[in-house]
Amino acid sequence: MIAGSEIANGAASSLTDRLSSSTRRASSARRVGSDSAAKVRSNVSS
C-alpha cells in the first residue's frame, strides 16, 4: 500500500516536472519570438 502510493506520488511529481519544464520552454520561445518580431517590425518601418 505504502509502496504503491510512493510510486504514484513519484509518477505525479515527474509528470508535473515534465509539464512545467515544457511550459517554461514554450513561454521563453514565445518571448524570443515576439522580441524578434518587434525587431523586424522596427527595421521595416525605419
N, C-alpha and C. Protein backbone atom coordinates (compact mmCIF):
# COMPACT_ATOMS: atom_id res chain seq x y z
N MET A 1 0.84 -1.20 0.00
CA MET A 1 0.00 0.00 0.00
C MET A 1 0.88 1.25 0.00
N ILE A 2 1.81 1.31 0.95
CA ILE A 2 2.68 2.48 1.04
C ILE A 2 3.55 2.59 -0.21
N ALA A 3 4.10 1.44 -0.65
CA ALA A 3 4.95 1.46 -1.83
C ALA A 3 4.16 1.94 -3.05
N GLY A 4 2.93 1.51 -3.15
CA GLY A 4 2.09 1.92 -4.28
C GLY A 4 1.86 3.42 -4.28
N SER A 5 1.59 3.99 -3.10
CA SER A 5 1.34 5.43 -3.04
C SER A 5 2.63 6.20 -3.33
N GLU A 6 3.76 5.65 -2.91
CA GLU A 6 5.04 6.32 -3.19
C GLU A 6 5.29 6.35 -4.70
N ILE A 7 4.99 5.23 -5.37
CA ILE A 7 5.16 5.16 -6.82
C ILE A 7 4.22 6.16 -7.50
N ALA A 8 2.98 6.25 -7.03
CA ALA A 8 2.01 7.18 -7.61
C ALA A 8 2.49 8.61 -7.41
N ASN A 9 2.99 8.92 -6.21
CA ASN A 9 3.48 10.27 -5.95
C ASN A 9 4.67 10.59 -6.84
N GLY A 10 5.57 9.64 -7.01
CA GLY A 10 6.74 9.85 -7.86
C GLY A 10 6.34 10.09 -9.30
N ALA A 11 5.38 9.31 -9.79
CA ALA A 11 4.92 9.48 -11.17
C ALA A 11 4.26 10.84 -11.34
N ALA A 12 3.47 11.25 -10.35
CA ALA A 12 2.79 12.54 -10.44
C ALA A 12 3.80 13.68 -10.42
N SER A 13 4.83 13.59 -9.56
CA SER A 13 5.80 14.68 -9.47
C SER A 13 6.65 14.75 -10.74
N SER A 14 7.01 13.59 -11.30
CA SER A 14 7.80 13.61 -12.53
C SER A 14 6.97 14.17 -13.68
N LEU A 15 5.68 13.86 -13.68
CA LEU A 15 4.79 14.38 -14.71
C LEU A 15 4.67 15.90 -14.58
N THR A 16 4.56 16.38 -13.33
CA THR A 16 4.47 17.82 -13.10
C THR A 16 5.75 18.50 -13.53
N ASP A 17 6.90 17.88 -13.23
CA ASP A 17 8.18 18.45 -13.64
C ASP A 17 8.24 18.56 -15.16
N ARG A 18 7.81 17.50 -15.83
CA ARG A 18 7.87 17.50 -17.29
C ARG A 18 6.96 18.60 -17.84
N LEU A 19 5.76 18.74 -17.26
CA LEU A 19 4.82 19.76 -17.74
C LEU A 19 5.38 21.15 -17.51
N SER A 20 5.93 21.41 -16.32
CA SER A 20 6.41 22.75 -16.01
C SER A 20 7.61 23.10 -16.88
N SER A 21 8.49 22.12 -17.16
CA SER A 21 9.66 22.42 -17.99
C SER A 21 9.24 22.70 -19.42
N SER A 22 8.27 21.96 -19.95
CA SER A 22 7.81 22.20 -21.32
C SER A 22 7.08 23.54 -21.39
N THR A 23 6.33 23.87 -20.34
CA THR A 23 5.62 25.16 -20.32
C THR A 23 6.62 26.30 -20.30
N ARG A 24 7.68 26.13 -19.49
CA ARG A 24 8.70 27.17 -19.39
C ARG A 24 9.36 27.35 -20.76
N ARG A 25 9.65 26.22 -21.43
CA ARG A 25 10.31 26.29 -22.74
C ARG A 25 9.39 27.02 -23.73
N ALA A 26 8.09 26.72 -23.69
CA ALA A 26 7.15 27.34 -24.62
C ALA A 26 7.06 28.84 -24.37
N SER A 27 7.00 29.25 -23.10
CA SER A 27 6.86 30.67 -22.80
C SER A 27 8.12 31.43 -23.18
N SER A 28 9.30 30.83 -22.97
CA SER A 28 10.54 31.51 -23.34
C SER A 28 10.65 31.60 -24.85
N ALA A 29 10.21 30.58 -25.57
CA ALA A 29 10.23 30.61 -27.03
C ALA A 29 9.29 31.69 -27.53
N ARG A 30 8.14 31.84 -26.88
CA ARG A 30 7.17 32.86 -27.29
C ARG A 30 7.79 34.25 -27.07
N ARG A 31 8.51 34.42 -25.94
CA ARG A 31 9.11 35.71 -25.63
C ARG A 31 10.17 36.05 -26.69
N VAL A 32 11.00 35.07 -27.03
CA VAL A 32 12.03 35.29 -28.05
C VAL A 32 11.38 35.60 -29.39
N GLY A 33 10.31 34.90 -29.72
CA GLY A 33 9.63 35.13 -30.99
C GLY A 33 9.05 36.53 -31.07
N SER A 34 8.43 37.00 -29.99
CA SER A 34 7.85 38.34 -30.01
C SER A 34 8.95 39.40 -30.07
N ASP A 35 10.08 39.15 -29.41
CA ASP A 35 11.21 40.08 -29.46
C ASP A 35 11.71 40.22 -30.89
N SER A 36 11.93 39.10 -31.57
CA SER A 36 12.44 39.16 -32.93
C SER A 36 11.40 39.77 -33.86
N ALA A 37 10.12 39.53 -33.62
CA ALA A 37 9.06 40.11 -34.45
C ALA A 37 9.06 41.63 -34.29
N ALA A 38 9.24 42.11 -33.07
CA ALA A 38 9.27 43.54 -32.83
C ALA A 38 10.48 44.16 -33.51
N LYS A 39 11.61 43.45 -33.48
CA LYS A 39 12.82 43.94 -34.13
C LYS A 39 12.60 44.07 -35.65
N VAL A 40 11.97 43.03 -36.23
CA VAL A 40 11.71 43.04 -37.67
C VAL A 40 10.78 44.19 -38.01
N ARG A 41 9.76 44.40 -37.19
CA ARG A 41 8.79 45.46 -37.44
C ARG A 41 9.48 46.83 -37.42
N SER A 42 10.39 47.05 -36.45
CA SER A 42 11.07 48.34 -36.36
C SER A 42 12.02 48.52 -37.54
N ASN A 43 12.64 47.44 -38.00
CA ASN A 43 13.52 47.52 -39.16
C ASN A 43 12.73 47.89 -40.40
N VAL A 44 11.56 47.33 -40.56
CA VAL A 44 10.74 47.60 -41.74
C VAL A 44 10.27 49.05 -41.73
N SER A 45 9.88 49.56 -40.58
CA SER A 45 9.35 50.93 -40.52
C SER A 45 10.46 51.96 -40.74
N SER A 46 11.70 51.66 -40.38
CA SER A 46 12.77 52.65 -40.49
C SER A 46 13.40 52.71 -41.88
